[in-house]
Amino acid sequence: MIWFGFLLSIVLLMVAARKSVWLGLTLAAIVLGLFTLPLSQLCFEILSTLSDISVFLLALAVGLIPLIGGALEISGLMDDLTENLRLKKRTFLAFSPALLGLLPMPGGALLSAPMLKKVGKDIPANNKSALNVWFRHVFILIYPLGALLVTTKMAGLDLYLAILYLIPGFILMLGLGYIFLLKGIKNDHTFKQRFDPKKLIAPFSIILAAPLVHLTLMTIFSQITPEIPLLIGVSSSLLLVLYIGKFRLAGIKEIAVKMRIWDFALIIIGMFLFLNIFKASDAPKVVATLPVSKAVFLVGIGALFGFITGRVQTPVAIILPIYFTKFGTGTITPLAFAITYFSIFTGYVISPVHPCVSVSIAYFKVKFSDLLKILAAPTAIALATTFILAVMFL
């Protein structure tokens, strides 16, 4: 019954998440609980998750982040940023999707796709789609307001310590991206407008304000609930873009509806609901009986879950409690977390159910198989390197 409930919840999660991630997580959590927990305990886990102030604050902060991206887009500040990036062609093709990827926006890959199409007129469509997908996620790997924000909390690790351990993976992704995607491109690029530093500084300041304020407050007030500095940091970026963009209340409401900010907040609640119910059940003990090594589990299973779900947070929520049970520890080391996270992230980047992949191949009118042919080699090398490190050091 436990195996059946666990597998049914995973299948339900993958199917439902294609339409609604938060609904998929919630349904999967409830189904898992019905098969593995007494009804009274299931209700307790649901109520304790919904009443957890740290989860609420985290959901609120994550829900506000898309407002920043929407305001940048509508105000024209994003256009100012891209037009005043005085970069050579190769750097532009890599940096522009990477920069826009810092903000979790629905269909955000569609913002960078037109830029790549304009600058890379002589580049085949399947190569442009690969560039858009790969480099959009390079900075996200180590960006503190991305998936790392939630997953490090799940693992009980310091956010910025985890980033330090992920920097080698970041460098590896950059190197593989250059070798397989950029090396053969002619390095020329022209600009139609004169350079205006003010139009470059303003959007950059907005994007960087949130992590800088967050990190500063976390350093000064180390004993405070971590989600409070986060909420203040995100609010700082939001207020800054609203002030510079001269938005009124009606404009803010319009952005909130357009970006569907409630979806982002509900994803956080659904994810912790699934995690808490999974941890409370016997499912981790049952799955932990699978006879695989630590390296195979963290790298192989991690990448597979990332590819199947097209998500990062969900596989982490599944793997962490299994790891704790299977390897007899209540914590995970920063190195083990980095290896797990990078493996999941690598599978997620090329997943066909990953929204950025879907919109990129649709925009450039290419098949998923065309994209996969280009990204298969750098992905395989990244995972092989990670597996070797896991065997050597874990």
Protein backbone atom coordinates (compact mmCIF):
# COMPACT_ATOMS: atom_id res chain seq x y z
CA MET A 1 0.00 0.00 0.00
CA ILE A 2 2.85 2.39 0.78
CA TRP A 3 4.57 1.68 -2.55
CA PHE A 4 1.26 2.03 -4.39
CA GLY A 5 0.41 5.29 -2.64
CA PHE A 6 3.89 6.70 -3.25
CA LEU A 7 3.97 5.79 -6.96
CA LEU A 8 0.40 6.98 -7.46
CA SER A 9 1.24 10.33 -5.85
CA ILE A 10 4.32 10.76 -8.09
CA VAL A 11 2.33 9.93 -11.24
CA LEU A 12 -0.45 12.28 -10.15
CA LEU A 13 2.11 14.99 -9.46
CA MET A 14 3.73 14.68 -12.89
CA VAL A 15 0.39 14.67 -14.72
CA ALA A 16 -1.33 17.45 -12.79
CA ALA A 17 1.79 19.66 -12.63
CA ARG A 18 1.68 20.11 -16.40
CA LYS A 19 -1.42 22.24 -15.91
CA SER A 20 -0.93 23.51 -12.35
CA VAL A 21 2.16 22.85 -10.26
CA TRP A 22 0.66 23.86 -6.94
CA LEU A 23 -2.48 21.81 -7.54
CA GLY A 24 -0.36 18.80 -8.54
CA LEU A 25 1.70 19.08 -5.37
CA THR A 26 -1.37 19.44 -3.19
CA LEU A 27 -3.23 16.52 -4.75
CA ALA A 28 -0.12 14.33 -4.61
CA ALA A 29 0.40 15.20 -0.95
CA ILE A 30 -3.18 14.35 0.00
CA VAL A 31 -3.17 11.07 -1.97
CA LEU A 32 0.14 10.07 -0.39
CA GLY A 33 -1.23 10.89 3.05
CA LEU A 34 -4.43 8.90 2.51
CA PHE A 35 -2.41 5.79 1.67
CA THR A 36 0.31 6.14 4.32
CA LEU A 37 -1.06 8.06 7.31
CA PRO A 38 -4.03 7.83 9.69
CA LEU A 39 -6.63 10.45 8.80
CA SER A 40 -6.03 12.33 12.06
CA GLN A 41 -2.30 12.62 11.40
CA LEU A 42 -2.91 13.68 7.80
CA CYS A 43 -5.14 16.51 9.02
CA PHE A 44 -2.50 17.48 11.57
CA GLU A 45 0.22 17.70 8.91
CA ILE A 46 -2.01 19.82 6.68
CA LEU A 47 -2.95 22.23 9.47
CA SER A 48 0.61 22.52 10.79
CA THR A 49 1.91 23.34 7.29
CA LEU A 50 -0.78 25.94 6.64
CA SER A 51 -0.18 27.58 10.03
CA ASP A 52 3.64 27.64 9.76
CA ILE A 53 4.60 31.34 9.73
CA SER A 54 7.93 30.69 8.01
CA VAL A 55 6.18 28.88 5.14
CA PHE A 56 3.65 31.72 4.89
CA LEU A 57 6.34 34.41 4.75
CA LEU A 58 8.33 32.43 2.20
CA ALA A 59 5.24 31.98 0.01
CA LEU A 60 4.49 35.70 0.28
CA ALA A 61 8.03 36.68 -0.73
CA VAL A 62 8.13 34.26 -3.65
CA GLY A 63 4.73 35.51 -4.78
CA LEU A 64 6.03 39.08 -4.94
CA ILE A 65 9.06 38.27 -7.10
CA PRO A 66 7.10 37.95 -10.39
CA LEU A 67 5.74 41.45 -9.79
CA ILE A 68 9.29 42.75 -10.18
CA GLY A 69 9.72 41.02 -13.53
CA GLY A 70 6.33 42.17 -14.79
CA ALA A 71 7.00 45.77 -13.76
CA LEU A 72 10.40 45.73 -15.49
CA GLU A 73 8.78 44.47 -18.67
CA ILE A 74 5.77 46.82 -18.76
CA SER A 75 7.75 49.94 -17.78
CA GLY A 76 10.27 49.42 -20.58
CA LEU A 77 13.15 49.12 -18.12
CA MET A 78 13.90 45.65 -19.43
CA ASP A 79 14.20 47.04 -22.98
CA ASP A 80 16.53 49.77 -21.69
CA LEU A 81 18.69 47.15 -20.07
CA THR A 82 19.02 44.97 -23.16
CA GLU A 83 19.64 47.89 -25.53
CA ASN A 84 22.43 49.30 -23.38
CA LEU A 85 24.31 46.07 -22.81
CA ARG A 86 27.38 46.88 -24.92
CA LEU A 87 28.49 43.29 -25.41
CA LYS A 88 30.01 41.34 -28.29
CA LYS A 89 27.79 38.86 -30.07
CA ARG A 90 28.79 35.67 -28.22
CA THR A 91 28.60 37.38 -24.84
CA PHE A 92 25.24 38.93 -25.69
CA LEU A 93 23.77 35.58 -26.79
CA ALA A 94 24.80 34.04 -23.46
CA PHE A 95 24.31 36.95 -21.06
CA SER A 96 20.90 38.23 -22.20
CA PRO A 97 18.92 35.01 -21.52
CA ALA A 98 21.00 34.44 -18.37
CA LEU A 99 20.13 37.89 -17.05
CA LEU A 100 16.41 37.59 -17.81
CA GLY A 101 16.45 34.15 -16.23
CA LEU A 102 17.15 35.70 -12.84
CA LEU A 103 13.48 36.60 -12.50
CA PRO A 104 11.02 33.68 -12.30
CA MET A 105 8.42 34.81 -14.83
CA PRO A 106 5.77 32.69 -16.55
CA GLY A 107 6.97 32.18 -20.10
CA GLY A 108 10.05 34.24 -19.28
CA ALA A 109 12.07 32.49 -21.97
CA LEU A 110 9.89 34.31 -24.50
CA LEU A 111 11.46 37.60 -23.39
CA SER A 112 14.97 36.56 -24.32
CA ALA A 113 13.98 34.57 -27.43
CA PRO A 114 13.26 37.68 -29.58
CA MET A 115 16.62 39.15 -28.53
CA LEU A 116 18.45 36.02 -29.66
CA LYS A 117 16.47 35.94 -32.90
CA LYS A 118 17.40 39.54 -33.62
CA VAL A 119 21.08 39.29 -32.79
CA GLY A 120 21.58 35.74 -34.10
CA LYS A 121 20.03 36.07 -37.56
CA ASP A 122 22.75 33.85 -39.07
CA ILE A 123 22.37 31.10 -36.44
CA PRO A 124 20.14 28.03 -37.06
CA ALA A 125 16.86 28.02 -35.14
CA ASN A 126 17.64 24.86 -33.17
CA ASN A 127 20.93 26.41 -31.99
CA LYS A 128 19.13 29.57 -30.88
CA SER A 129 16.59 27.53 -28.93
CA ALA A 130 19.45 25.64 -27.24
CA LEU A 131 21.22 28.90 -26.40
CA ASN A 132 18.02 30.30 -24.92
CA VAL A 133 17.39 27.25 -22.74
CA TRP A 134 20.96 26.55 -21.57
CA PHE A 135 22.17 30.04 -20.74
CA ARG A 136 18.85 31.17 -19.30
CA HIS A 137 19.53 28.75 -16.44
CA VAL A 138 23.24 29.30 -15.85
CA PHE A 139 22.80 32.15 -13.36
CA ILE A 140 19.64 30.59 -11.90
CA LEU A 141 21.82 27.74 -10.64
CA ILE A 142 23.44 30.07 -8.08
CA TYR A 143 20.84 32.86 -7.85
CA PRO A 144 19.69 33.23 -4.21
CA LEU A 145 16.09 34.15 -5.09
CA GLY A 146 15.53 31.12 -7.32
CA ALA A 147 14.88 27.49 -6.48
CA LEU A 148 17.83 27.54 -4.07
CA LEU A 149 15.89 29.76 -1.72
CA VAL A 150 13.37 27.07 -0.87
CA THR A 151 15.49 23.94 -1.32
CA THR A 152 18.22 25.09 1.07
CA LYS A 153 15.54 25.69 3.69
CA MET A 154 14.31 22.14 3.14
CA ALA A 155 17.85 20.82 3.60
CA GLY A 156 18.50 23.01 6.65
CA LEU A 157 21.54 24.65 5.01
CA ASP A 158 22.71 28.23 4.80
CA LEU A 159 21.67 29.63 1.42
CA TYR A 160 24.95 31.38 0.63
CA LEU A 161 27.09 28.45 1.78
CA ALA A 162 25.23 26.24 -0.69
CA ILE A 163 25.94 28.78 -3.44
CA LEU A 164 29.68 28.52 -2.75
CA TYR A 165 29.53 24.75 -3.27
CA LEU A 166 27.55 25.21 -6.50
CA ILE A 167 30.02 27.64 -8.08
CA PRO A 168 32.06 24.79 -9.70
CA GLY A 169 28.84 23.58 -11.35
CA PHE A 170 28.15 27.14 -12.52
CA ILE A 171 31.63 27.34 -14.08
CA LEU A 172 31.15 23.90 -15.68
CA MET A 173 27.85 24.98 -17.26
CA LEU A 174 29.47 28.15 -18.61
CA GLY A 175 32.39 26.21 -20.06
CA LEU A 176 30.22 23.54 -21.68
CA GLY A 177 27.89 26.19 -23.05
CA TYR A 178 30.79 28.02 -24.67
CA ILE A 179 32.33 24.88 -26.18
CA PHE A 180 29.14 23.35 -27.55
CA LEU A 181 26.95 26.41 -28.24
CA LEU A 182 29.04 29.56 -28.70
CA LYS A 183 32.50 28.65 -30.01
CA GLY A 184 31.59 28.53 -33.71
CA ILE A 185 29.63 31.81 -33.76
CA LYS A 186 31.13 34.94 -35.32
CA ASN A 187 31.74 37.52 -32.61
CA ASP A 188 30.24 40.67 -34.19
CA HIS A 189 27.36 42.87 -33.04
CA THR A 190 26.16 46.44 -33.76
CA PHE A 191 23.84 48.79 -31.83
CA LYS A 192 21.34 51.27 -33.30
CA GLN A 193 21.10 53.62 -30.30
CA ARG A 194 23.72 55.54 -28.37
CA PHE A 195 24.84 54.11 -25.05
CA ASP A 196 22.99 55.55 -22.04
CA PRO A 197 24.48 54.47 -18.68
CA LYS A 198 21.40 55.66 -16.76
CA LYS A 199 19.18 53.24 -18.64
CA LEU A 200 21.58 50.44 -17.75
CA ILE A 201 22.08 51.28 -14.07
CA ALA A 202 18.39 51.60 -13.14
CA PRO A 203 17.21 48.07 -14.07
CA PHE A 204 20.44 46.54 -12.79
CA SER A 205 19.91 48.24 -9.42
CA ILE A 206 16.36 46.89 -9.24
CA ILE A 207 17.43 43.29 -9.95
CA LEU A 208 20.35 43.34 -7.50
CA ALA A 209 18.57 45.17 -4.66
CA ALA A 210 16.67 42.13 -3.36
CA PRO A 211 19.61 39.72 -2.87
CA LEU A 212 21.88 42.48 -1.54
CA VAL A 213 19.33 43.65 1.07
CA HIS A 214 18.54 40.04 1.95
CA LEU A 215 22.18 39.12 2.47
CA THR A 216 22.93 42.32 4.43
CA LEU A 217 20.02 41.85 6.83
CA MET A 218 20.81 38.15 7.26
CA THR A 219 24.36 39.09 8.23
CA ILE A 220 23.40 41.86 10.65
CA PHE A 221 20.39 40.10 12.22
CA SER A 222 21.57 36.50 12.18
CA GLN A 223 19.05 35.35 14.83
CA ILE A 224 15.96 36.66 13.08
CA THR A 225 13.57 34.40 11.14
CA PRO A 226 15.28 34.08 7.72
CA GLU A 227 12.08 34.75 5.78
CA ILE A 228 11.76 38.27 7.23
CA PRO A 229 14.99 39.62 5.63
CA LEU A 230 13.95 37.85 2.43
CA LEU A 231 10.56 39.55 2.38
CA ILE A 232 12.18 42.94 3.08
CA GLY A 233 14.73 42.36 0.29
CA VAL A 234 12.10 41.40 -2.28
CA SER A 235 9.92 44.33 -1.19
CA SER A 236 12.89 46.67 -1.68
CA SER A 237 13.30 45.61 -5.31
CA LEU A 238 9.55 45.82 -5.86
CA LEU A 239 9.24 49.32 -4.38
CA LEU A 240 12.24 50.45 -6.40
CA VAL A 241 10.81 49.29 -9.72
CA LEU A 242 7.38 50.74 -8.88
CA TYR A 243 8.98 54.11 -8.06
CA ILE A 244 11.26 54.26 -11.10
CA GLY A 245 8.55 52.92 -13.39
CA LYS A 246 6.01 55.39 -11.95
CA PHE A 247 3.32 52.77 -11.39
CA ARG A 248 -0.07 53.48 -9.85
CA LEU A 249 -2.19 51.07 -7.81
CA ALA A 250 -4.21 49.99 -10.85
CA GLY A 251 -0.99 49.18 -12.69
CA ILE A 252 0.24 46.99 -9.85
CA LYS A 253 -3.04 45.05 -9.86
CA GLU A 254 -2.78 44.57 -13.61
CA ILE A 255 0.74 43.13 -13.29
CA ALA A 256 -0.31 40.83 -10.44
CA VAL A 257 -3.14 39.39 -12.54
CA LYS A 258 -0.97 39.08 -15.65
CA MET A 259 1.84 37.31 -13.79
CA ARG A 260 -0.57 35.15 -11.75
CA ILE A 261 1.50 35.76 -8.62
CA TRP A 262 -0.77 33.54 -6.51
CA ASP A 263 0.46 30.51 -8.44
CA PHE A 264 4.01 31.11 -7.22
CA ALA A 265 2.90 31.49 -3.60
CA LEU A 266 0.69 28.40 -3.74
CA ILE A 267 3.53 26.33 -5.19
CA ILE A 268 5.53 26.99 -2.02
CA ILE A 269 2.66 25.92 0.21
CA GLY A 270 1.96 22.83 -1.89
CA MET A 271 5.62 21.87 -1.90
CA PHE A 272 5.99 22.02 1.88
CA LEU A 273 2.69 20.21 2.27
CA PHE A 274 4.03 17.35 0.14
CA LEU A 275 7.38 17.38 1.95
CA ASN A 276 5.84 17.31 5.43
CA ILE A 277 3.40 14.52 4.61
CA PHE A 278 6.11 12.51 2.87
CA LYS A 279 8.44 12.86 5.85
CA ALA A 280 5.67 11.90 8.29
CA SER A 281 4.82 8.74 6.35
CA ASP A 282 6.74 5.48 6.02
CA ALA A 283 7.35 6.13 2.33
CA PRO A 284 10.97 7.31 2.83
CA LYS A 285 11.82 4.06 4.65
CA VAL A 286 10.28 1.96 1.90
CA VAL A 287 11.95 3.83 -0.99
CA ALA A 288 15.23 3.80 0.96
CA THR A 289 15.34 0.02 0.57
CA LEU A 290 16.31 0.41 -3.11
CA PRO A 291 19.81 -1.16 -3.42
CA VAL A 292 21.73 1.73 -5.03
CA SER A 293 24.89 3.56 -3.99
CA LYS A 294 24.87 7.13 -2.73
CA ALA A 295 26.39 8.41 -5.99
CA VAL A 296 23.79 6.61 -8.15
CA PHE A 297 20.98 7.79 -5.91
CA LEU A 298 21.94 11.46 -5.76
CA VAL A 299 23.14 11.88 -9.35
CA GLY A 300 21.15 9.31 -11.33
CA ILE A 301 17.82 9.42 -9.51
CA GLY A 302 18.16 13.18 -9.02
CA ALA A 303 18.67 13.86 -12.75
CA LEU A 304 15.85 11.46 -13.63
CA PHE A 305 13.39 13.19 -11.29
CA GLY A 306 14.44 16.58 -12.66
CA PHE A 307 13.85 15.38 -16.23
CA ILE A 308 10.54 13.67 -15.48
CA THR A 309 8.99 16.50 -13.48
CA GLY A 310 10.54 19.48 -15.27
CA ARG A 311 11.01 21.03 -11.83
CA VAL A 312 13.75 21.51 -9.25
CA GLN A 313 11.97 22.00 -5.94
CA THR A 314 9.71 18.97 -6.28
CA PRO A 315 12.53 16.40 -6.81
CA VAL A 316 14.44 17.92 -3.90
CA ALA A 317 11.32 17.56 -1.74
CA ILE A 318 11.16 13.88 -2.73
CA ILE A 319 14.85 13.01 -2.49
CA LEU A 320 15.82 14.74 0.78
CA PRO A 321 13.69 12.67 3.19
CA ILE A 322 14.64 9.47 1.32
CA TYR A 323 18.31 10.43 1.67
CA PHE A 324 17.95 11.04 5.39
CA THR A 325 16.35 7.63 5.88
CA LYS A 326 18.43 5.61 3.42
CA PHE A 327 21.82 6.83 4.63
CA GLY A 328 20.95 7.16 8.31
CA THR A 329 21.45 10.88 8.82
CA GLY A 330 19.23 13.77 9.82
CA THR A 331 21.25 16.27 7.83
CA ILE A 332 22.90 16.57 4.44
CA THR A 333 26.37 18.03 3.90
CA PRO A 334 26.76 21.10 1.65
CA LEU A 335 28.73 18.99 -0.86
CA ALA A 336 26.10 16.25 -1.02
CA PHE A 337 23.38 18.88 -1.40
CA ALA A 338 25.31 20.63 -4.20
CA ILE A 339 25.78 17.35 -6.08
CA THR A 340 22.10 16.47 -5.65
CA TYR A 341 20.88 19.92 -6.62
CA PHE A 342 23.15 20.19 -9.66
CA SER A 343 22.08 16.73 -10.90
CA ILE A 344 18.39 17.59 -10.53
CA PHE A 345 18.99 20.97 -12.14
CA THR A 346 20.76 19.40 -15.13
CA GLY A 347 17.87 17.02 -15.78
CA TYR A 348 15.39 19.86 -15.34
CA VAL A 349 17.13 22.12 -17.88
CA ILE A 350 16.49 19.69 -20.76
CA SER A 351 13.11 18.36 -19.60
CA PRO A 352 10.31 18.40 -22.21
CA VAL A 353 7.84 19.41 -19.50
CA HIS A 354 10.02 22.35 -18.48
CA PRO A 355 8.09 25.51 -19.52
CA CYS A 356 11.21 27.30 -20.81
CA VAL A 357 11.98 24.35 -23.10
CA SER A 358 8.41 24.22 -24.37
CA VAL A 359 8.10 27.92 -25.21
CA SER A 360 11.61 28.09 -26.72
CA ILE A 361 11.06 25.27 -29.19
CA ALA A 362 7.63 26.69 -30.03
CA TYR A 363 9.02 30.19 -30.63
CA PHE A 364 11.88 29.03 -32.83
CA LYS A 365 9.65 26.39 -34.50
CA VAL A 366 11.90 23.40 -33.81
CA LYS A 367 11.28 19.91 -32.42
CA PHE A 368 12.26 18.79 -28.95
CA SER A 369 14.47 16.13 -30.53
CA ASP A 370 16.39 18.87 -32.37
CA LEU A 371 17.02 20.66 -29.10
CA LEU A 372 18.00 17.47 -27.32
CA LYS A 373 20.55 16.56 -30.02
CA ILE A 374 22.43 19.78 -29.27
CA LEU A 375 22.16 19.67 -25.48
CA ALA A 376 22.68 15.92 -25.01
CA ALA A 377 26.49 16.12 -25.07
CA PRO A 378 26.98 18.99 -22.56
CA THR A 379 24.32 17.44 -20.30
CA ALA A 380 25.98 14.01 -20.37
CA ILE A 381 29.40 15.52 -19.60
CA ALA A 382 27.98 17.59 -16.73
CA LEU A 383 26.33 14.53 -15.14
CA ALA A 384 29.36 12.28 -15.71
CA THR A 385 31.60 14.84 -14.02
CA THR A 386 29.18 15.13 -11.11
CA PHE A 387 28.97 11.34 -10.76
CA ILE A 388 32.77 11.02 -10.61
CA LEU A 389 32.92 13.68 -7.90
CA ALA A 390 30.17 11.91 -5.96
CA VAL A 391 32.03 8.59 -6.10
CA MET A 392 35.28 10.24 -4.99
CA PHE A 393 34.07 12.48 -2.18
CA LEU A 394 30.77 11.13 -0.82
